[in-house]
Amino acid sequence: MDVLFGTWHWSISGLLIGLIMLVLTYFGKTFGMSSNLRTLCSMTPAKKQSAYFNFDWREQRWNLAIVLGAIAGGFIAYHFMMDSKQVLQLNPITVKQLQSLHIDAPNGKLGPDAIFGIDQMWTWKGFLLLLGGGFLIGFGTPYAGGCTSGHAISGLSNLQIPSLIAVIGFFIGGLIAAHFLIPLIFD
């Protein structure tokens, strides 16, 4: 019972992702969360506003299973597979770096309240960060031909050079944000 309702080894997830990628490749499908969200948007009046969303969502309805599976899987993992004593552990160096920016450690949460708290959304800085981040994601995903999961999982497993370039760009962008932008914004 501990194996089912405890922390799984990373290799199990890796094996399952690899098997899913083989099945998707066999059926001529690709994986990426932005494809799933694009399919959701094509079900709304957005398809009349943008050619990007103007396609028959029924052809991509399998994407909806991915969205529902991600939501259900997250719920099940959080509520039924985590030990209540088990909390997210950050590297002590990361905790010190956050404290130097006057950001408290997340204390078991996925992100610190000073950045991701609901109260921050109602400040000018928080609103502008959300608006800017949403614009960058909304513009960048179609421009890059997919999102991080699509390029890193699906594109790299299919040995696509554009996906390799995109993934390298994602890592460079993350390093720039972590070492320069976040200290600039929160210092």
N, C-alpha and C. Protein backbone atom coordinates (compact mmCIF):
# COMPACT_ATOMS: atom_id res chain seq x y z
N MET A 1 0.82 -1.19 0.00
CA MET A 1 0.00 0.00 0.00
C MET A 1 0.86 1.26 0.00
N ASP A 2 2.04 1.21 0.63
CA ASP A 2 2.92 2.38 0.65
C ASP A 2 3.41 2.75 -0.74
N VAL A 3 3.56 1.76 -1.63
CA VAL A 3 4.03 2.04 -2.98
C VAL A 3 2.98 2.84 -3.73
N LEU A 4 1.70 2.49 -3.55
CA LEU A 4 0.64 3.22 -4.24
C LEU A 4 0.42 4.61 -3.67
N PHE A 5 0.46 4.71 -2.36
CA PHE A 5 0.13 5.97 -1.73
C PHE A 5 1.32 6.60 -1.04
N GLY A 6 2.39 6.73 -1.76
CA GLY A 6 3.59 7.38 -1.27
C GLY A 6 4.32 7.98 -2.46
N THR A 7 5.53 8.38 -2.23
CA THR A 7 6.33 8.96 -3.29
C THR A 7 6.83 7.87 -4.22
N TRP A 8 6.57 8.04 -5.50
CA TRP A 8 7.05 7.07 -6.48
C TRP A 8 8.44 7.48 -6.96
N HIS A 9 9.21 6.51 -7.37
CA HIS A 9 10.53 6.78 -7.92
C HIS A 9 10.36 7.49 -9.26
N TRP A 10 11.27 8.41 -9.57
CA TRP A 10 11.17 9.20 -10.81
C TRP A 10 11.18 8.33 -12.06
N SER A 11 11.80 7.16 -11.98
CA SER A 11 11.89 6.30 -13.17
C SER A 11 10.53 5.76 -13.60
N ILE A 12 9.60 5.64 -12.67
CA ILE A 12 8.25 5.17 -13.03
C ILE A 12 7.57 6.21 -13.92
N SER A 13 7.66 7.47 -13.53
CA SER A 13 7.09 8.53 -14.36
C SER A 13 7.78 8.59 -15.71
N GLY A 14 9.08 8.48 -15.72
CA GLY A 14 9.83 8.51 -16.97
C GLY A 14 9.42 7.38 -17.90
N LEU A 15 9.27 6.18 -17.35
CA LEU A 15 8.84 5.04 -18.15
C LEU A 15 7.43 5.25 -18.70
N LEU A 16 6.52 5.74 -17.86
CA LEU A 16 5.15 5.97 -18.31
C LEU A 16 5.08 7.05 -19.39
N ILE A 17 5.84 8.13 -19.21
CA ILE A 17 5.87 9.19 -20.23
C ILE A 17 6.42 8.64 -21.54
N GLY A 18 7.48 7.84 -21.46
CA GLY A 18 8.05 7.23 -22.67
C GLY A 18 7.05 6.33 -23.38
N LEU A 19 6.32 5.52 -22.62
CA LEU A 19 5.32 4.65 -23.23
C LEU A 19 4.20 5.45 -23.88
N ILE A 20 3.75 6.48 -23.21
CA ILE A 20 2.70 7.33 -23.78
C ILE A 20 3.19 8.00 -25.06
N MET A 21 4.44 8.44 -25.08
CA MET A 21 4.98 9.07 -26.29
C MET A 21 5.03 8.08 -27.44
N LEU A 22 5.38 6.81 -27.16
CA LEU A 22 5.38 5.79 -28.21
C LEU A 22 3.97 5.58 -28.79
N VAL A 23 2.98 5.53 -27.90
CA VAL A 23 1.59 5.36 -28.36
C VAL A 23 1.15 6.57 -29.18
N LEU A 24 1.44 7.78 -28.70
CA LEU A 24 1.05 8.99 -29.45
C LEU A 24 1.74 9.05 -30.81
N THR A 25 3.02 8.71 -30.85
CA THR A 25 3.76 8.71 -32.12
C THR A 25 3.16 7.68 -33.08
N TYR A 26 2.82 6.53 -32.55
CA TYR A 26 2.22 5.48 -33.39
C TYR A 26 0.92 5.98 -34.05
N PHE A 27 0.12 6.74 -33.30
CA PHE A 27 -1.14 7.25 -33.83
C PHE A 27 -1.01 8.61 -34.50
N GLY A 28 0.23 9.10 -34.64
CA GLY A 28 0.45 10.37 -35.33
C GLY A 28 0.04 11.59 -34.53
N LYS A 29 0.05 11.51 -33.23
CA LYS A 29 -0.34 12.61 -32.35
C LYS A 29 0.89 13.19 -31.68
N THR A 30 0.76 14.42 -31.20
CA THR A 30 1.83 15.05 -30.41
C THR A 30 1.25 15.48 -29.08
N PHE A 31 2.12 15.63 -28.10
CA PHE A 31 1.70 16.02 -26.76
C PHE A 31 2.19 17.42 -26.45
N GLY A 32 1.35 18.16 -25.76
CA GLY A 32 1.72 19.48 -25.26
C GLY A 32 0.51 20.12 -24.62
N MET A 33 0.68 20.75 -23.49
CA MET A 33 -0.45 21.36 -22.80
C MET A 33 -1.03 22.53 -23.59
N SER A 34 -0.21 23.25 -24.34
CA SER A 34 -0.77 24.36 -25.12
C SER A 34 -1.72 23.86 -26.19
N SER A 35 -1.48 22.67 -26.73
CA SER A 35 -2.41 22.08 -27.69
C SER A 35 -3.75 21.80 -27.03
N ASN A 36 -3.70 21.35 -25.79
CA ASN A 36 -4.92 21.06 -25.06
C ASN A 36 -5.70 22.34 -24.79
N LEU A 37 -5.01 23.39 -24.39
CA LEU A 37 -5.68 24.66 -24.12
C LEU A 37 -6.20 25.29 -25.41
N ARG A 38 -5.47 25.11 -26.50
CA ARG A 38 -5.93 25.60 -27.80
C ARG A 38 -7.23 24.90 -28.20
N THR A 39 -7.30 23.59 -27.93
CA THR A 39 -8.52 22.85 -28.22
C THR A 39 -9.68 23.37 -27.39
N LEU A 40 -9.45 23.65 -26.11
CA LEU A 40 -10.50 24.23 -25.26
C LEU A 40 -10.97 25.57 -25.81
N CYS A 41 -10.03 26.41 -26.22
CA CYS A 41 -10.40 27.73 -26.75
C CYS A 41 -11.16 27.63 -28.07
N SER A 42 -10.89 26.59 -28.85
CA SER A 42 -11.59 26.44 -30.13
C SER A 42 -13.05 26.05 -29.93
N MET A 43 -13.42 25.67 -28.71
CA MET A 43 -14.81 25.35 -28.40
C MET A 43 -15.61 26.60 -28.03
N THR A 44 -14.94 27.73 -27.91
CA THR A 44 -15.57 28.98 -27.49
C THR A 44 -15.69 29.93 -28.68
N PRO A 45 -16.30 31.09 -28.47
CA PRO A 45 -16.37 32.08 -29.56
C PRO A 45 -15.00 32.61 -30.00
N ALA A 46 -13.93 32.23 -29.32
CA ALA A 46 -12.59 32.70 -29.71
C ALA A 46 -12.25 32.26 -31.12
N LYS A 47 -12.84 31.17 -31.58
CA LYS A 47 -12.53 30.68 -32.93
C LYS A 47 -12.98 31.68 -34.00
N LYS A 48 -13.95 32.54 -33.67
CA LYS A 48 -14.40 33.57 -34.62
C LYS A 48 -13.49 34.79 -34.60
N GLN A 49 -12.71 34.92 -33.54
CA GLN A 49 -11.85 36.09 -33.37
C GLN A 49 -10.43 35.86 -33.88
N SER A 50 -10.01 34.61 -33.93
CA SER A 50 -8.62 34.32 -34.29
C SER A 50 -8.55 33.06 -35.13
N ALA A 51 -7.83 33.13 -36.22
CA ALA A 51 -7.64 31.96 -37.09
C ALA A 51 -6.90 30.85 -36.35
N TYR A 52 -6.10 31.20 -35.35
CA TYR A 52 -5.34 30.22 -34.58
C TYR A 52 -6.27 29.23 -33.90
N PHE A 53 -7.44 29.69 -33.47
CA PHE A 53 -8.41 28.83 -32.78
C PHE A 53 -9.49 28.29 -33.71
N ASN A 54 -9.44 28.64 -34.97
CA ASN A 54 -10.50 28.27 -35.91
C ASN A 54 -10.21 26.90 -36.55
N PHE A 55 -10.55 25.85 -35.83
CA PHE A 55 -10.45 24.48 -36.36
C PHE A 55 -11.50 23.64 -35.65
N ASP A 56 -11.76 22.48 -36.18
CA ASP A 56 -12.77 21.59 -35.60
C ASP A 56 -12.19 20.90 -34.38
N TRP A 57 -12.62 21.32 -33.21
CA TRP A 57 -12.09 20.78 -31.96
C TRP A 57 -12.38 19.29 -31.81
N ARG A 58 -13.40 18.78 -32.49
CA ARG A 58 -13.75 17.36 -32.37
C ARG A 58 -12.62 16.46 -32.87
N GLU A 59 -11.84 16.96 -33.82
CA GLU A 59 -10.71 16.18 -34.32
C GLU A 59 -9.61 16.06 -33.28
N GLN A 60 -9.60 16.97 -32.33
CA GLN A 60 -8.58 16.99 -31.29
C GLN A 60 -9.15 16.67 -29.91
N ARG A 61 -10.32 16.04 -29.85
CA ARG A 61 -10.97 15.83 -28.55
C ARG A 61 -10.16 14.96 -27.60
N TRP A 62 -9.24 14.18 -28.12
CA TRP A 62 -8.38 13.39 -27.23
C TRP A 62 -7.56 14.31 -26.33
N ASN A 63 -7.29 15.56 -26.79
CA ASN A 63 -6.59 16.53 -25.96
C ASN A 63 -7.36 16.83 -24.67
N LEU A 64 -8.67 16.79 -24.76
CA LEU A 64 -9.49 17.08 -23.58
C LEU A 64 -9.29 16.01 -22.51
N ALA A 65 -9.03 14.77 -22.92
CA ALA A 65 -8.74 13.71 -21.95
C ALA A 65 -7.45 14.02 -21.20
N ILE A 66 -6.48 14.62 -21.89
CA ILE A 66 -5.22 15.00 -21.23
C ILE A 66 -5.48 16.06 -20.17
N VAL A 67 -6.30 17.06 -20.50
CA VAL A 67 -6.62 18.13 -19.55
C VAL A 67 -7.35 17.55 -18.34
N LEU A 68 -8.37 16.76 -18.59
CA LEU A 68 -9.12 16.16 -17.48
C LEU A 68 -8.24 15.23 -16.65
N GLY A 69 -7.36 14.47 -17.32
CA GLY A 69 -6.45 13.59 -16.60
C GLY A 69 -5.46 14.36 -15.73
N ALA A 70 -4.98 15.49 -16.23
CA ALA A 70 -4.05 16.32 -15.44
C ALA A 70 -4.74 16.88 -14.20
N ILE A 71 -5.98 17.33 -14.38
CA ILE A 71 -6.73 17.87 -13.24
C ILE A 71 -7.05 16.76 -12.23
N ALA A 72 -7.58 15.64 -12.72
CA ALA A 72 -7.93 14.54 -11.83
C ALA A 72 -6.69 13.94 -11.17
N GLY A 73 -5.61 13.79 -11.94
CA GLY A 73 -4.38 13.23 -11.38
C GLY A 73 -3.78 14.12 -10.30
N GLY A 74 -3.80 15.43 -10.53
CA GLY A 74 -3.31 16.36 -9.51
C GLY A 74 -4.14 16.29 -8.24
N PHE A 75 -5.45 16.22 -8.40
CA PHE A 75 -6.33 16.13 -7.24
C PHE A 75 -6.09 14.85 -6.46
N ILE A 76 -6.02 13.73 -7.17
CA ILE A 76 -5.80 12.43 -6.52
C ILE A 76 -4.43 12.39 -5.83
N ALA A 77 -3.40 12.88 -6.52
CA ALA A 77 -2.06 12.86 -5.93
C ALA A 77 -2.00 13.72 -4.67
N TYR A 78 -2.61 14.90 -4.72
CA TYR A 78 -2.54 15.81 -3.58
C TYR A 78 -3.36 15.30 -2.40
N HIS A 79 -4.56 14.81 -2.67
CA HIS A 79 -5.46 14.46 -1.58
C HIS A 79 -5.33 13.02 -1.09
N PHE A 80 -4.82 12.12 -1.94
CA PHE A 80 -4.82 10.72 -1.55
C PHE A 80 -3.44 10.06 -1.57
N MET A 81 -2.46 10.66 -2.21
CA MET A 81 -1.17 9.99 -2.34
C MET A 81 -0.06 10.68 -1.57
N MET A 82 -0.35 11.80 -0.95
CA MET A 82 0.68 12.50 -0.18
C MET A 82 0.46 12.27 1.30
N ASP A 83 1.54 12.07 1.98
CA ASP A 83 1.50 11.98 3.43
C ASP A 83 1.36 13.40 3.97
N SER A 84 0.49 13.59 4.94
CA SER A 84 0.26 14.94 5.46
C SER A 84 1.53 15.52 6.10
N LYS A 85 2.48 14.66 6.50
CA LYS A 85 3.73 15.14 7.08
C LYS A 85 4.75 15.48 6.01
N GLN A 86 4.49 15.01 4.80
CA GLN A 86 5.43 15.21 3.70
C GLN A 86 5.22 16.62 3.12
N VAL A 87 6.26 17.44 3.15
CA VAL A 87 6.18 18.78 2.59
C VAL A 87 7.31 18.96 1.59
N LEU A 88 7.11 19.89 0.72
CA LEU A 88 8.13 20.20 -0.28
C LEU A 88 9.37 20.74 0.42
N GLN A 89 10.51 20.16 0.14
CA GLN A 89 11.77 20.58 0.74
C GLN A 89 12.60 21.36 -0.28
N LEU A 90 12.93 22.59 0.05
CA LEU A 90 13.80 23.39 -0.81
C LEU A 90 15.24 23.25 -0.36
N ASN A 91 16.14 23.40 -1.29
CA ASN A 91 17.56 23.42 -0.99
C ASN A 91 17.83 24.61 -0.05
N PRO A 92 18.61 24.42 1.01
CA PRO A 92 18.90 25.52 1.94
C PRO A 92 19.50 26.75 1.26
N ILE A 93 20.26 26.55 0.20
CA ILE A 93 20.83 27.69 -0.53
C ILE A 93 19.71 28.51 -1.18
N THR A 94 18.71 27.82 -1.73
CA THR A 94 17.56 28.51 -2.32
C THR A 94 16.81 29.30 -1.27
N VAL A 95 16.62 28.71 -0.08
CA VAL A 95 15.93 29.41 1.01
C VAL A 95 16.68 30.69 1.38
N LYS A 96 18.01 30.63 1.47
CA LYS A 96 18.81 31.81 1.79
C LYS A 96 18.69 32.87 0.70
N GLN A 97 18.69 32.42 -0.57
CA GLN A 97 18.55 33.38 -1.67
C GLN A 97 17.19 34.06 -1.64
N LEU A 98 16.14 33.30 -1.34
CA LEU A 98 14.81 33.89 -1.23
C LEU A 98 14.76 34.89 -0.08
N GLN A 99 15.36 34.53 1.06
CA GLN A 99 15.36 35.43 2.22
C GLN A 99 16.12 36.72 1.92
N SER A 100 17.17 36.64 1.10
CA SER A 100 17.90 37.86 0.74
C SER A 100 17.05 38.81 -0.11
N LEU A 101 16.01 38.27 -0.76
CA LEU A 101 15.08 39.08 -1.55
C LEU A 101 13.83 39.42 -0.75
N HIS A 102 13.84 39.13 0.56
CA HIS A 102 12.71 39.37 1.47
C HIS A 102 11.50 38.52 1.08
N ILE A 103 11.77 37.30 0.65
CA ILE A 103 10.71 36.36 0.29
C ILE A 103 10.82 35.17 1.24
N ASP A 104 9.75 34.90 1.97
CA ASP A 104 9.74 33.76 2.89
C ASP A 104 9.73 32.46 2.10
N ALA A 105 10.30 31.42 2.69
CA ALA A 105 10.28 30.10 2.07
C ALA A 105 8.84 29.64 1.92
N PRO A 106 8.53 28.85 0.90
CA PRO A 106 7.15 28.43 0.67
C PRO A 106 6.53 27.56 1.75
N ASN A 107 7.36 27.00 2.64
CA ASN A 107 6.87 26.16 3.74
C ASN A 107 5.93 25.06 3.27
N GLY A 108 6.39 24.27 2.32
CA GLY A 108 5.61 23.13 1.83
C GLY A 108 4.74 23.43 0.63
N LYS A 109 4.55 24.69 0.30
CA LYS A 109 3.76 25.04 -0.88
C LYS A 109 4.67 24.99 -2.10
N LEU A 110 4.07 25.05 -3.28
CA LEU A 110 4.87 25.02 -4.50
C LEU A 110 5.52 26.36 -4.81
N GLY A 111 4.99 27.44 -4.27
CA GLY A 111 5.58 28.75 -4.50
C GLY A 111 5.36 29.65 -3.31
N PRO A 112 6.26 30.61 -3.09
CA PRO A 112 6.12 31.51 -1.94
C PRO A 112 4.95 32.48 -2.13
N ASP A 113 4.29 32.81 -1.03
CA ASP A 113 3.14 33.73 -1.08
C ASP A 113 3.54 35.12 -1.56
N ALA A 114 4.78 35.54 -1.31
CA ALA A 114 5.22 36.87 -1.74
C ALA A 114 5.21 37.01 -3.26
N ILE A 115 5.27 35.90 -3.96
CA ILE A 115 5.22 35.93 -5.43
C ILE A 115 3.89 35.43 -5.94
N PHE A 116 3.39 34.32 -5.38
CA PHE A 116 2.23 33.64 -5.94
C PHE A 116 0.99 33.70 -5.06
N GLY A 117 1.02 34.46 -3.98
CA GLY A 117 -0.13 34.55 -3.09
C GLY A 117 -1.28 35.30 -3.75
N ILE A 118 -2.49 34.97 -3.34
CA ILE A 118 -3.69 35.61 -3.91
C ILE A 118 -3.70 37.11 -3.60
N ASP A 119 -3.13 37.51 -2.46
CA ASP A 119 -3.07 38.93 -2.13
C ASP A 119 -2.17 39.70 -3.09
N GLN A 120 -1.14 39.04 -3.62
CA GLN A 120 -0.22 39.71 -4.55
C GLN A 120 -0.89 40.05 -5.87
N MET A 121 -1.91 39.28 -6.23
CA MET A 121 -2.60 39.52 -7.50
C MET A 121 -3.29 40.88 -7.51
N TRP A 122 -3.66 41.38 -6.35
CA TRP A 122 -4.40 42.64 -6.26
C TRP A 122 -3.50 43.85 -6.10
N THR A 123 -2.19 43.67 -6.13
CA THR A 123 -1.28 44.81 -6.11
C THR A 123 -0.92 45.17 -7.55
N TRP A 124 -0.44 46.40 -7.75
CA TRP A 124 -0.06 46.81 -9.10
C TRP A 124 1.06 45.94 -9.65
N LYS A 125 2.06 45.68 -8.80
CA LYS A 125 3.18 44.87 -9.25
C LYS A 125 2.70 43.47 -9.62
N GLY A 126 1.88 42.86 -8.76
CA GLY A 126 1.37 41.52 -9.03
C GLY A 126 0.51 41.47 -10.28
N PHE A 127 -0.35 42.48 -10.44
CA PHE A 127 -1.21 42.53 -11.62
C PHE A 127 -0.39 42.66 -12.90
N LEU A 128 0.61 43.55 -12.87
CA LEU A 128 1.45 43.74 -14.06
C LEU A 128 2.29 42.50 -14.38
N LEU A 129 2.75 41.81 -13.33
CA LEU A 129 3.49 40.56 -13.56
C LEU A 129 2.59 39.49 -14.19
N LEU A 130 1.36 39.36 -13.69
CA LEU A 130 0.43 38.40 -14.27
C LEU A 130 0.06 38.77 -15.71
N LEU A 131 -0.20 40.04 -15.93
CA LEU A 131 -0.55 40.51 -17.27
C LEU A 131 0.61 40.30 -18.24
N GLY A 132 1.80 40.69 -17.83
CA GLY A 132 2.99 40.52 -18.68
C GLY A 132 3.30 39.05 -18.93
N GLY A 133 3.22 38.24 -17.88
CA GLY A 133 3.47 36.80 -18.04
C GLY A 133 2.43 36.15 -18.94
N GLY A 134 1.18 36.53 -18.77
CA GLY A 134 0.11 35.99 -19.63
C GLY A 134 0.32 36.38 -21.08
N PHE A 135 0.73 37.63 -21.31
CA PHE A 135 0.99 38.07 -22.68
C PHE A 135 2.16 37.30 -23.28
N LEU A 136 3.24 37.15 -22.52
CA LEU A 136 4.40 36.42 -23.04
C LEU A 136 4.07 34.97 -23.35
N ILE A 137 3.28 34.34 -22.50
CA ILE A 137 2.89 32.95 -22.76
C ILE A 137 1.93 32.88 -23.94
N GLY A 138 0.94 33.78 -23.95
CA GLY A 138 -0.04 33.79 -25.03
C GLY A 138 0.57 34.09 -26.39
N PHE A 139 1.58 34.95 -26.42
CA PHE A 139 2.26 35.26 -27.67
C PHE A 139 3.34 34.23 -27.98
N GLY A 140 4.08 33.84 -26.97
CA GLY A 140 5.23 32.98 -27.18
C GLY A 140 4.90 31.55 -27.57
N THR A 141 3.81 31.02 -27.02
CA THR A 141 3.47 29.63 -27.32
C THR A 141 3.17 29.41 -28.80
N PRO A 142 2.28 30.20 -29.42
CA PRO A 142 2.07 29.99 -30.86
C PRO A 142 3.31 30.35 -31.68
N TYR A 143 4.04 31.37 -31.25
CA TYR A 143 5.24 31.80 -31.98
C TYR A 143 6.31 30.70 -31.98
N ALA A 144 6.45 30.03 -30.82
CA ALA A 144 7.46 28.97 -30.70
C ALA A 144 6.95 27.63 -31.22
N GLY A 145 5.69 27.57 -31.61
CA GLY A 145 5.14 26.31 -32.12
C GLY A 145 4.85 25.30 -31.04
N GLY A 146 4.65 25.77 -29.81
CA GLY A 146 4.32 24.87 -28.71
C GLY A 146 4.85 25.38 -27.39
N CYS A 147 4.56 24.62 -26.35
CA CYS A 147 4.94 25.01 -25.00
C CYS A 147 6.12 24.17 -24.51
N THR A 148 6.51 24.38 -23.29
CA THR A 148 7.66 23.68 -22.73
C THR A 148 7.45 22.17 -22.72
N SER A 149 6.27 21.72 -22.30
CA SER A 149 6.04 20.28 -22.26
C SER A 149 5.99 19.69 -23.66
N GLY A 150 5.39 20.40 -24.59
CA GLY A 150 5.30 19.89 -25.96
C GLY A 150 6.67 19.74 -26.60
N HIS A 151 7.49 20.77 -26.47
CA HIS A 151 8.83 20.70 -27.06
C HIS A 151 9.73 19.72 -26.31
N ALA A 152 9.71 19.80 -24.96
CA ALA A 152 10.64 18.99 -24.18
C ALA A 152 10.27 17.51 -24.19
N ILE A 153 9.00 17.20 -24.19
CA ILE A 153 8.60 15.79 -24.15
C ILE A 153 8.36 15.25 -25.55
N SER A 154 7.47 15.88 -26.27
CA SER A 154 7.08 15.36 -27.59
C SER A 154 8.14 15.67 -28.65
N GLY A 155 8.56 16.92 -28.73
CA GLY A 155 9.51 17.31 -29.76
C GLY A 155 10.86 16.64 -29.63
N LEU A 156 11.40 16.60 -28.41
CA LEU A 156 12.71 15.96 -28.22
C LEU A 156 12.64 14.45 -28.43
N SER A 157 11.52 13.83 -28.03
CA SER A 157 11.41 12.39 -28.24
C SER A 157 11.29 12.04 -29.72
N ASN A 158 10.84 13.00 -30.53
CA ASN A 158 10.79 12.81 -31.98
C ASN A 158 12.03 13.36 -32.69
N LEU A 159 13.04 13.74 -31.90
CA LEU A 159 14.33 14.23 -32.41
C LEU A 159 14.18 15.45 -33.33
N GLN A 160 13.33 16.38 -32.95
CA GLN A 160 13.10 17.58 -33.73
C GLN A 160 14.08 18.68 -33.31
N ILE A 161 14.86 19.16 -34.26
CA ILE A 161 15.86 20.22 -33.98
C ILE A 161 15.18 21.50 -33.47
N PRO A 162 14.04 21.95 -34.05
CA PRO A 162 13.39 23.15 -33.51
C PRO A 162 13.02 23.00 -32.03
N SER A 163 12.64 21.79 -31.62
CA SER A 163 12.31 21.57 -30.21
C SER A 163 13.56 21.64 -29.34
N LEU A 164 14.68 21.14 -29.83
CA LEU A 164 15.93 21.24 -29.08
C LEU A 164 16.31 22.71 -28.90
N ILE A 165 16.18 23.50 -29.96
CA ILE A 165 16.48 24.93 -29.87
C ILE A 165 15.53 25.61 -28.90
N ALA A 166 14.23 25.26 -28.95
CA ALA A 166 13.26 25.86 -28.04
C ALA A 166 13.57 25.50 -26.59
N VAL A 167 13.91 24.24 -26.32
CA VAL A 167 14.21 23.82 -24.95
C VAL A 167 15.46 24.53 -24.42
N ILE A 168 16.47 24.68 -25.25
CA ILE A 168 17.66 25.43 -24.84
C ILE A 168 17.27 26.87 -24.51
N GLY A 169 16.40 27.45 -25.34
CA GLY A 169 15.92 28.81 -25.08
C GLY A 169 15.13 28.90 -23.78
N PHE A 170 14.31 27.88 -23.48
CA PHE A 170 13.55 27.88 -22.22
C PHE A 170 14.50 27.89 -21.03
N PHE A 171 15.56 27.07 -21.09
CA PHE A 171 16.50 27.00 -19.97
C PHE A 171 17.28 28.30 -19.83
N ILE A 172 17.69 28.88 -20.94
CA ILE A 172 18.40 30.16 -20.87
C ILE A 172 17.48 31.24 -20.29
N GLY A 173 16.23 31.26 -20.75
CA GLY A 173 15.26 32.22 -20.21
C GLY A 173 15.03 32.02 -18.73
N GLY A 174 14.95 30.77 -18.29
CA GLY A 174 14.78 30.48 -16.86
C GLY A 174 15.97 30.93 -16.03
N LEU A 175 17.17 30.72 -16.56
CA LEU A 175 18.38 31.17 -15.84
C LEU A 175 18.43 32.69 -15.75
N ILE A 176 18.09 33.36 -16.84
CA ILE A 176 18.07 34.84 -16.84
C ILE A 176 17.04 35.34 -15.83
N ALA A 177 15.85 34.73 -15.84
CA ALA A 177 14.81 35.15 -14.89
C ALA A 177 15.25 34.92 -13.45
N ALA A 178 15.80 33.74 -13.17
CA ALA A 178 16.17 33.40 -11.80
C ALA A 178 17.32 34.26 -11.27
N HIS A 179 18.28 34.57 -12.13
CA HIS A 179 19.47 35.27 -11.65
C HIS A 179 19.42 36.78 -11.83
N PHE A 180 18.58 37.27 -12.74
CA PHE A 180 18.57 38.72 -13.00
C PHE A 180 17.20 39.36 -12.81
N LEU A 181 16.14 38.77 -13.38
CA LEU A 181 14.84 39.42 -13.34
C LEU A 181 14.18 39.35 -11.96
N ILE A 182 14.17 38.19 -11.34
CA ILE A 182 13.53 38.06 -10.03
C ILE A 182 14.23 38.95 -8.99
N PRO A 183 15.58 38.96 -8.92
CA PRO A 183 16.22 39.89 -7.98
C PRO A 183 15.90 41.36 -8.32
N LEU A 184 15.78 41.69 -9.59
CA LEU A 184 15.47 43.06 -9.98
C LEU A 184 14.04 43.44 -9.55
N ILE A 185 13.11 42.53 -9.69
CA ILE A 185 11.70 42.79 -9.37
C ILE A 185 11.46 42.81 -7.87
N PHE A 186 12.10 41.90 -7.13
CA PHE A 186 11.78 41.74 -5.70
C PHE A 186 12.82 42.32 -4.76
N ASP A 187 13.83 42.98 -5.27
CA ASP A 187 14.84 43.56 -4.38
C ASP A 187 14.42 44.93 -3.91
